[in-house]
Amino acid sequence: MENKNYCCEDMKTFIEDPRIKINYNAEHRMYHLEITSTGKIHLIHYCPSCGALLPKNLVDKWFETLEKELNIDDPYDTEQKKLIPE
């Protein structure tokens, strides 16, 4: 398999097929199902095809780092968002 970001060829296909709502957020290293009727997401921790444990996502670490290092407690606030480095 060319792309090492995915545990199996099926997962690679799921992520690349726009008809399937399994998404990958590289910034947060997060796999999730998108519920189109509600707009909500459901994190997945195991591949639905091969059962492999997926990498731990970085969402909690991201929030923790923003608060600890930059004193940002609401990264979605317009003013605080400007303080987040690229």
PDB file of N, CA and C in Angstrom:
ATOM      1  N   MET A   1       0.849  -1.178   0.000  1.00  0.00           N
ATOM      2  CA  MET A   1       0.000   0.000   0.000  1.00  0.00           C
ATOM      3  C   MET A   1       0.891   1.237   0.000  1.00  0.00           C
ATOM      4  N   GLU A   2       0.590   2.186  -0.844  1.00  0.00           N
ATOM      5  CA  GLU A   2       1.407   3.379  -1.010  1.00  0.00           C
ATOM      6  C   GLU A   2       1.340   4.314   0.191  1.00  0.00           C
ATOM      7  N   ASN A   3       0.147   4.600   0.706  1.00  0.00           N
ATOM      8  CA  ASN A   3      -0.032   5.575   1.765  1.00  0.00           C
ATOM      9  C   ASN A   3      -0.012   4.883   3.121  1.00  0.00           C
ATOM     10  N   LYS A   4       0.992   5.157   3.922  1.00  0.00           N
ATOM     11  CA  LYS A   4       1.140   4.518   5.225  1.00  0.00           C
ATOM     12  C   LYS A   4       0.230   5.140   6.286  1.00  0.00           C
ATOM     13  N   ASN A   5      -0.549   6.174   5.935  1.00  0.00           N
ATOM     14  CA  ASN A   5      -1.457   6.782   6.902  1.00  0.00           C
ATOM     15  C   ASN A   5      -2.639   5.884   7.229  1.00  0.00           C
ATOM     16  N   TYR A   6      -2.888   4.874   6.435  1.00  0.00           N
ATOM     17  CA  TYR A   6      -4.048   4.029   6.621  1.00  0.00           C
ATOM     18  C   TYR A   6      -3.625   2.606   6.936  1.00  0.00           C
ATOM     19  N   CYS A   7      -4.410   1.954   7.768  1.00  0.00           N
ATOM     20  CA  CYS A   7      -4.049   0.620   8.240  1.00  0.00           C
ATOM     21  C   CYS A   7      -4.275  -0.460   7.192  1.00  0.00           C
ATOM     22  N   CYS A   8      -5.153  -0.202   6.224  1.00  0.00           N
ATOM     23  CA  CYS A   8      -5.434  -1.203   5.205  1.00  0.00           C
ATOM     24  C   CYS A   8      -5.961  -0.520   3.940  1.00  0.00           C
ATOM     25  N   GLU A   9      -6.008  -1.258   2.879  1.00  0.00           N
ATOM     26  CA  GLU A   9      -6.467  -0.720   1.597  1.00  0.00           C
ATOM     27  C   GLU A   9      -7.934  -0.276   1.672  1.00  0.00           C
ATOM     28  N   ASP A  10      -8.766  -1.016   2.428  1.00  0.00           N
ATOM     29  CA  ASP A  10     -10.174  -0.625   2.580  1.00  0.00           C
ATOM     30  C   ASP A  10     -10.295   0.749   3.237  1.00  0.00           C
ATOM     31  N   MET A  11      -9.527   0.994   4.292  1.00  0.00           N
ATOM     32  CA  MET A  11      -9.603   2.292   4.974  1.00  0.00           C
ATOM     33  C   MET A  11      -9.174   3.402   4.028  1.00  0.00           C
ATOM     34  N   LYS A  12      -8.145   3.163   3.241  1.00  0.00           N
ATOM     35  CA  LYS A  12      -7.702   4.143   2.248  1.00  0.00           C
ATOM     36  C   LYS A  12      -8.850   4.455   1.284  1.00  0.00           C
ATOM     37  N   THR A  13      -9.559   3.426   0.845  1.00  0.00           N
ATOM     38  CA  THR A  13     -10.701   3.601  -0.058  1.00  0.00           C
ATOM     39  C   THR A  13     -11.818   4.384   0.624  1.00  0.00           C
ATOM     40  N   PHE A  14     -12.117   4.057   1.894  1.00  0.00           N
ATOM     41  CA  PHE A  14     -13.172   4.770   2.633  1.00  0.00           C
ATOM     42  C   PHE A  14     -12.868   6.260   2.706  1.00  0.00           C
ATOM     43  N   ILE A  15     -11.630   6.602   3.011  1.00  0.00           N
ATOM     44  CA  ILE A  15     -11.246   8.003   3.175  1.00  0.00           C
ATOM     45  C   ILE A  15     -11.299   8.751   1.845  1.00  0.00           C
ATOM     46  N   GLU A  16     -10.919   8.091   0.770  1.00  0.00           N
ATOM     47  CA  GLU A  16     -10.844   8.757  -0.536  1.00  0.00           C
ATOM     48  C   GLU A  16     -12.173   8.806  -1.288  1.00  0.00           C
ATOM     49  N   ASP A  17     -13.148   8.018  -0.885  1.00  0.00           N
ATOM     50  CA  ASP A  17     -14.439   7.957  -1.587  1.00  0.00           C
ATOM     51  C   ASP A  17     -15.393   8.992  -0.988  1.00  0.00           C
ATOM     52  N   PRO A  18     -15.803  10.011  -1.756  1.00  0.00           N
ATOM     53  CA  PRO A  18     -16.673  11.065  -1.212  1.00  0.00           C
ATOM     54  C   PRO A  18     -18.073  10.568  -0.841  1.00  0.00           C
ATOM     55  N   ARG A  19     -18.447   9.392  -1.297  1.00  0.00           N
ATOM     56  CA  ARG A  19     -19.772   8.850  -0.959  1.00  0.00           C
ATOM     57  C   ARG A  19     -19.798   8.245   0.437  1.00  0.00           C
ATOM     58  N   ILE A  20     -18.629   7.952   0.990  1.00  0.00           N
ATOM     59  CA  ILE A  20     -18.530   7.330   2.312  1.00  0.00           C
ATOM     60  C   ILE A  20     -18.099   8.402   3.304  1.00  0.00           C
ATOM     61  N   LYS A  21     -18.793   8.515   4.403  1.00  0.00           N
ATOM     62  CA  LYS A  21     -18.542   9.602   5.345  1.00  0.00           C
ATOM     63  C   LYS A  21     -17.619   9.194   6.497  1.00  0.00           C
ATOM     64  N   ILE A  22     -16.530   8.493   6.151  1.00  0.00           N
ATOM     65  CA  ILE A  22     -15.444   8.310   7.107  1.00  0.00           C
ATOM     66  C   ILE A  22     -14.393   9.329   6.706  1.00  0.00           C
ATOM     67  N   ASN A  23     -14.036  10.189   7.625  1.00  0.00           N
ATOM     68  CA  ASN A  23     -13.104  11.269   7.321  1.00  0.00           C
ATOM     69  C   ASN A  23     -11.850  11.159   8.176  1.00  0.00           C
ATOM     70  N   TYR A  24     -10.793  11.775   7.679  1.00  0.00           N
ATOM     71  CA  TYR A  24      -9.535  11.843   8.413  1.00  0.00           C
ATOM     72  C   TYR A  24      -9.101  13.290   8.493  1.00  0.00           C
ATOM     73  N   ASN A  25      -8.863  13.763   9.709  1.00  0.00           N
ATOM     74  CA  ASN A  25      -8.372  15.110   9.944  1.00  0.00           C
ATOM     75  C   ASN A  25      -6.902  14.982  10.308  1.00  0.00           C
ATOM     76  N   ALA A  26      -6.021  15.306   9.371  1.00  0.00           N
ATOM     77  CA  ALA A  26      -4.582  15.141   9.577  1.00  0.00           C
ATOM     78  C   ALA A  26      -4.052  16.051  10.688  1.00  0.00           C
ATOM     79  N   GLU A  27      -4.606  17.243  10.815  1.00  0.00           N
ATOM     80  CA  GLU A  27      -4.154  18.189  11.835  1.00  0.00           C
ATOM     81  C   GLU A  27      -4.301  17.598  13.239  1.00  0.00           C
ATOM     82  N   HIS A  28      -5.404  16.915  13.478  1.00  0.00           N
ATOM     83  CA  HIS A  28      -5.667  16.327  14.793  1.00  0.00           C
ATOM     84  C   HIS A  28      -5.473  14.807  14.817  1.00  0.00           C
ATOM     85  N   ARG A  29      -5.019  14.256  13.664  1.00  0.00           N
ATOM     86  CA  ARG A  29      -4.821  12.811  13.531  1.00  0.00           C
ATOM     87  C   ARG A  29      -6.056  12.073  14.045  1.00  0.00           C
ATOM     88  N   MET A  30      -7.204  12.415  13.446  1.00  0.00           N
ATOM     89  CA  MET A  30      -8.485  11.936  13.953  1.00  0.00           C
ATOM     90  C   MET A  30      -9.315  11.327  12.821  1.00  0.00           C
ATOM     91  N   TYR A  31      -9.771  10.111  13.040  1.00  0.00           N
ATOM     92  CA  TYR A  31     -10.701   9.464  12.121  1.00  0.00           C
ATOM     93  C   TYR A  31     -12.093   9.597  12.725  1.00  0.00           C
ATOM     94  N   HIS A  32     -13.076   9.905  11.868  1.00  0.00           N
ATOM     95  CA  HIS A  32     -14.433  10.029  12.387  1.00  0.00           C
ATOM     96  C   HIS A  32     -15.480   9.747  11.321  1.00  0.00           C
ATOM     97  N   LEU A  33     -16.643   9.340  11.803  1.00  0.00           N
ATOM     98  CA  LEU A  33     -17.812   9.177  10.942  1.00  0.00           C
ATOM     99  C   LEU A  33     -18.571  10.491  10.979  1.00  0.00           C
ATOM    100  N   GLU A  34     -19.046  10.927   9.832  1.00  0.00           N
ATOM    101  CA  GLU A  34     -19.830  12.162   9.769  1.00  0.00           C
ATOM    102  C   GLU A  34     -21.293  11.787   9.641  1.00  0.00           C
ATOM    103  N   ILE A  35     -22.107  12.294  10.550  1.00  0.00           N
ATOM    104  CA  ILE A  35     -23.539  12.058  10.503  1.00  0.00           C
ATOM    105  C   ILE A  35     -24.151  13.230   9.731  1.00  0.00           C
ATOM    106  N   THR A  36     -24.444  13.006   8.460  1.00  0.00           N
ATOM    107  CA  THR A  36     -24.837  14.121   7.593  1.00  0.00           C
ATOM    108  C   THR A  36     -26.157  14.765   8.005  1.00  0.00           C
ATOM    109  N   SER A  37     -27.069  14.017   8.587  1.00  0.00           N
ATOM    110  CA  SER A  37     -28.363  14.592   8.952  1.00  0.00           C
ATOM    111  C   SER A  37     -28.268  15.566  10.116  1.00  0.00           C
ATOM    112  N   THR A  38     -27.244  15.404  10.977  1.00  0.00           N
ATOM    113  CA  THR A  38     -27.120  16.274  12.151  1.00  0.00           C
ATOM    114  C   THR A  38     -25.867  17.145  12.119  1.00  0.00           C
ATOM    115  N   GLY A  39     -24.905  16.792  11.267  1.00  0.00           N
ATOM    116  CA  GLY A  39     -23.643  17.521  11.228  1.00  0.00           C
ATOM    117  C   GLY A  39     -22.683  17.104  12.326  1.00  0.00           C
ATOM    118  N   LYS A  40     -23.080  16.166  13.155  1.00  0.00           N
ATOM    119  CA  LYS A  40     -22.222  15.704  14.241  1.00  0.00           C
ATOM    120  C   LYS A  40     -21.217  14.686  13.718  1.00  0.00           C
ATOM    121  N   ILE A  41     -20.161  14.503  14.504  1.00  0.00           N
ATOM    122  CA  ILE A  41     -19.169  13.502  14.151  1.00  0.00           C
ATOM    123  C   ILE A  41     -19.062  12.482  15.279  1.00  0.00           C
ATOM    124  N   HIS A  42     -18.646  11.292  14.914  1.00  0.00           N
ATOM    125  CA  HIS A  42     -18.437  10.218  15.875  1.00  0.00           C
ATOM    126  C   HIS A  42     -17.024   9.710  15.664  1.00  0.00           C
ATOM    127  N   LEU A  43     -16.178   9.871  16.673  1.00  0.00           N
ATOM    128  CA  LEU A  43     -14.800   9.414  16.556  1.00  0.00           C
ATOM    129  C   LEU A  43     -14.770   7.900  16.440  1.00  0.00           C
ATOM    130  N   ILE A  44     -13.860   7.407  15.605  1.00  0.00           N
ATOM    131  CA  ILE A  44     -13.665   5.965  15.539  1.00  0.00           C
ATOM    132  C   ILE A  44     -12.237   5.656  15.972  1.00  0.00           C
ATOM    133  N   HIS A  45     -12.107   4.599  16.729  1.00  0.00           N
ATOM    134  CA  HIS A  45     -10.818   4.230  17.296  1.00  0.00           C
ATOM    135  C   HIS A  45     -10.247   2.959  16.676  1.00  0.00           C
ATOM    136  N   TYR A  46     -11.097   2.246  15.938  1.00  0.00           N
ATOM    137  CA  TYR A  46     -10.679   1.018  15.271  1.00  0.00           C
ATOM    138  C   TYR A  46     -11.137   1.055  13.825  1.00  0.00           C
ATOM    139  N   CYS A  47     -10.356   0.483  12.934  1.00  0.00           N
ATOM    140  CA  CYS A  47     -10.736   0.409  11.529  1.00  0.00           C
ATOM    141  C   CYS A  47     -11.975  -0.478  11.401  1.00  0.00           C
ATOM    142  N   PRO A  48     -13.020  -0.002  10.719  1.00  0.00           N
ATOM    143  CA  PRO A  48     -14.228  -0.817  10.561  1.00  0.00           C
ATOM    144  C   PRO A  48     -14.021  -2.017   9.635  1.00  0.00           C
ATOM    145  N   SER A  49     -12.929  -2.050   8.910  1.00  0.00           N
ATOM    146  CA  SER A  49     -12.678  -3.142   7.979  1.00  0.00           C
ATOM    147  C   SER A  49     -11.760  -4.215   8.569  1.00  0.00           C
ATOM    148  N   CYS A  50     -10.574  -3.799   9.023  1.00  0.00           N
ATOM    149  CA  CYS A  50      -9.596  -4.794   9.492  1.00  0.00           C
ATOM    150  C   CYS A  50      -9.500  -4.871  11.012  1.00  0.00           C
ATOM    151  N   GLY A  51     -10.123  -3.922  11.725  1.00  0.00           N
ATOM    152  CA  GLY A  51     -10.116  -3.952  13.183  1.00  0.00           C
ATOM    153  C   GLY A  51      -8.865  -3.383  13.838  1.00  0.00           C
ATOM    154  N   ALA A  52      -7.942  -2.844  13.045  1.00  0.00           N
ATOM    155  CA  ALA A  52      -6.709  -2.301  13.606  1.00  0.00           C
ATOM    156  C   ALA A  52      -7.006  -1.099  14.501  1.00  0.00           C
ATOM    157  N   LEU A  53      -6.274  -0.993  15.597  1.00  0.00           N
ATOM    158  CA  LEU A  53      -6.376   0.168  16.463  1.00  0.00           C
ATOM    159  C   LEU A  53      -5.789   1.357  15.708  1.00  0.00           C
ATOM    160  N   LEU A  54      -6.561   2.435  15.590  1.00  0.00           N
ATOM    161  CA  LEU A  54      -6.100   3.626  14.883  1.00  0.00           C
ATOM    162  C   LEU A  54      -5.242   4.468  15.827  1.00  0.00           C
ATOM    163  N   PRO A  55      -4.380   5.340  15.292  1.00  0.00           N
ATOM    164  CA  PRO A  55      -3.534   6.175  16.160  1.00  0.00           C
ATOM    165  C   PRO A  55      -4.381   7.048  17.086  1.00  0.00           C
ATOM    166  N   LYS A  56      -3.880   7.285  18.282  1.00  0.00           N
ATOM    167  CA  LYS A  56      -4.571   8.165  19.229  1.00  0.00           C
ATOM    168  C   LYS A  56      -4.644   9.560  18.617  1.00  0.00           C
ATOM    169  N   ASN A  57      -5.833  10.161  18.677  1.00  0.00           N
ATOM    170  CA  ASN A  57      -5.965  11.500  18.092  1.00  0.00           C
ATOM    171  C   ASN A  57      -5.307  12.536  18.993  1.00  0.00           C
ATOM    172  N   LEU A  58      -5.063  13.711  18.442  1.00  0.00           N
ATOM    173  CA  LEU A  58      -4.328  14.772  19.130  1.00  0.00           C
ATOM    174  C   LEU A  58      -5.214  15.917  19.624  1.00  0.00           C
ATOM    175  N   VAL A  59      -6.531  15.743  19.603  1.00  0.00           N
ATOM    176  CA  VAL A  59      -7.439  16.829  19.964  1.00  0.00           C
ATOM    177  C   VAL A  59      -7.209  17.302  21.391  1.00  0.00           C
ATOM    178  N   ASP A  60      -7.213  16.391  22.365  1.00  0.00           N
ATOM    179  CA  ASP A  60      -7.007  16.788  23.762  1.00  0.00           C
ATOM    180  C   ASP A  60      -5.640  17.436  23.957  1.00  0.00           C
ATOM    181  N   LYS A  61      -4.629  16.871  23.322  1.00  0.00           N
ATOM    182  CA  LYS A  61      -3.266  17.411  23.427  1.00  0.00           C
ATOM    183  C   LYS A  61      -3.216  18.830  22.849  1.00  0.00           C
ATOM    184  N   TRP A  62      -3.931  19.058  21.737  1.00  0.00           N
ATOM    185  CA  TRP A  62      -3.972  20.380  21.100  1.00  0.00           C
ATOM    186  C   TRP A  62      -4.563  21.421  22.055  1.00  0.00           C
ATOM    187  N   PHE A  63      -5.733  21.104  22.645  1.00  0.00           N
ATOM    188  CA  PHE A  63      -6.369  22.026  23.593  1.00  0.00           C
ATOM    189  C   PHE A  63      -5.482  22.259  24.813  1.00  0.00           C
ATOM    190  N   GLU A  64      -4.887  21.181  25.322  1.00  0.00           N
ATOM    191  CA  GLU A  64      -4.001  21.268  26.482  1.00  0.00           C
ATOM    192  C   GLU A  64      -2.793  22.164  26.195  1.00  0.00           C
ATOM    193  N   THR A  65      -2.189  22.001  25.030  1.00  0.00           N
ATOM    194  CA  THR A  65      -1.021  22.799  24.654  1.00  0.00           C
ATOM    195  C   THR A  65      -1.383  24.272  24.472  1.00  0.00           C
ATOM    196  N   LEU A  66      -2.519  24.540  23.831  1.00  0.00           N
ATOM    197  CA  LEU A  66      -2.951  25.931  23.648  1.00  0.00           C
ATOM    198  C   LEU A  66      -3.135  26.623  24.991  1.00  0.00           C
ATOM    199  N   GLU A  67      -3.756  25.922  25.917  1.00  0.00           N
ATOM    200  CA  GLU A  67      -4.009  26.538  27.218  1.00  0.00           C
ATOM    201  C   GLU A  67      -2.717  26.705  28.014  1.00  0.00           C
ATOM    202  N   LYS A  68      -1.897  25.681  28.039  1.00  0.00           N
ATOM    203  CA  LYS A  68      -0.666  25.703  28.843  1.00  0.00           C
ATOM    204  C   LYS A  68       0.376  26.678  28.296  1.00  0.00           C
ATOM    205  N   GLU A  69       0.612  26.653  26.982  1.00  0.00           N
ATOM    206  CA  GLU A  69       1.692  27.444  26.403  1.00  0.00           C
ATOM    207  C   GLU A  69       1.273  28.835  25.927  1.00  0.00           C
ATOM    208  N   LEU A  70       0.005  28.983  25.534  1.00  0.00           N
ATOM    209  CA  LEU A  70      -0.427  30.267  24.972  1.00  0.00           C
ATOM    210  C   LEU A  70      -1.558  30.933  25.750  1.00  0.00           C
ATOM    211  N   ASN A  71      -1.993  30.290  26.845  1.00  0.00           N
ATOM    212  CA  ASN A  71      -3.077  30.810  27.670  1.00  0.00           C
ATOM    213  C   ASN A  71      -4.365  31.019  26.857  1.00  0.00           C
ATOM    214  N   ILE A  72      -4.615  30.110  25.929  1.00  0.00           N
ATOM    215  CA  ILE A  72      -5.823  30.161  25.101  1.00  0.00           C
ATOM    216  C   ILE A  72      -6.770  29.083  25.603  1.00  0.00           C
ATOM    217  N   ASP A  73      -7.935  29.499  26.101  1.00  0.00           N
ATOM    218  CA  ASP A  73      -8.895  28.525  26.601  1.00  0.00           C
ATOM    219  C   ASP A  73     -10.098  28.324  25.673  1.00  0.00           C
ATOM    220  N   ASP A  74     -10.205  29.175  24.658  1.00  0.00           N
ATOM    221  CA  ASP A  74     -11.282  29.023  23.678  1.00  0.00           C
ATOM    222  C   ASP A  74     -10.735  29.330  22.279  1.00  0.00           C
ATOM    223  N   PRO A  75     -10.149  28.328  21.611  1.00  0.00           N
ATOM    224  CA  PRO A  75      -9.531  28.571  20.304  1.00  0.00           C
ATOM    225  C   PRO A  75     -10.528  28.941  19.206  1.00  0.00           C
ATOM    226  N   TYR A  76     -11.826  28.853  19.515  1.00  0.00           N
ATOM    227  CA  TYR A  76     -12.839  29.217  18.524  1.00  0.00           C
ATOM    228  C   TYR A  76     -13.298  30.656  18.693  1.00  0.00           C
ATOM    229  N   ASP A  77     -12.880  31.297  19.782  1.00  0.00           N
ATOM    230  CA  ASP A  77     -13.149  32.720  19.988  1.00  0.00           C
ATOM    231  C   ASP A  77     -12.362  33.523  18.957  1.00  0.00           C
ATOM    232  N   THR A  78     -12.973  34.489  18.342  1.00  0.00           N
ATOM    233  CA  THR A  78     -12.353  35.255  17.250  1.00  0.00           C
ATOM    234  C   THR A  78     -11.020  35.864  17.660  1.00  0.00           C
ATOM    235  N   GLU A  79     -10.953  36.471  18.818  1.00  0.00           N
ATOM    236  CA  GLU A  79      -9.709  37.126  19.266  1.00  0.00           C
ATOM    237  C   GLU A  79      -8.634  36.102  19.633  1.00  0.00           C
ATOM    238  N   GLN A  80      -9.018  35.044  20.331  1.00  0.00           N
ATOM    239  CA  GLN A  80      -8.047  34.036  20.731  1.00  0.00           C
ATOM    240  C   GLN A  80      -7.526  33.251  19.520  1.00  0.00           C
ATOM    241  N   LYS A  81      -8.386  33.053  18.542  1.00  0.00           N
ATOM    242  CA  LYS A  81      -7.992  32.316  17.332  1.00  0.00           C
ATOM    243  C   LYS A  81      -6.821  33.008  16.629  1.00  0.00           C
ATOM    244  N   LYS A  82      -6.794  34.326  16.688  1.00  0.00           N
ATOM    245  CA  LYS A  82      -5.719  35.102  16.051  1.00  0.00           C
ATOM    246  C   LYS A  82      -4.362  34.848  16.712  1.00  0.00           C
ATOM    247  N   LEU A  83      -4.367  34.376  17.941  1.00  0.00           N
ATOM    248  CA  LEU A  83      -3.136  34.142  18.698  1.00  0.00           C
ATOM    249  C   LEU A  83      -2.500  32.772  18.423  1.00  0.00           C
ATOM    250  N   ILE A  84      -3.213  31.926  17.733  1.00  0.00           N
ATOM    251  CA  ILE A  84      -2.708  30.571  17.456  1.00  0.00           C
ATOM    252  C   ILE A  84      -1.746  30.612  16.278  1.00  0.00           C
ATOM    253  N   PRO A  85      -0.512  30.182  16.497  1.00  0.00           N
ATOM    254  CA  PRO A  85       0.461  30.187  15.388  1.00  0.00           C
ATOM    255  C   PRO A  85       0.094  29.167  14.322  1.00  0.00           C
ATOM    256  N   GLU A  86       0.525  29.433  13.092  1.00  0.00           N
ATOM    257  CA  GLU A  86       0.272  28.507  11.991  1.00  0.00           C
ATOM    258  C   GLU A  86       0.875  27.167  12.334  1.00  0.00           C
TER     259      GLU A  86
END
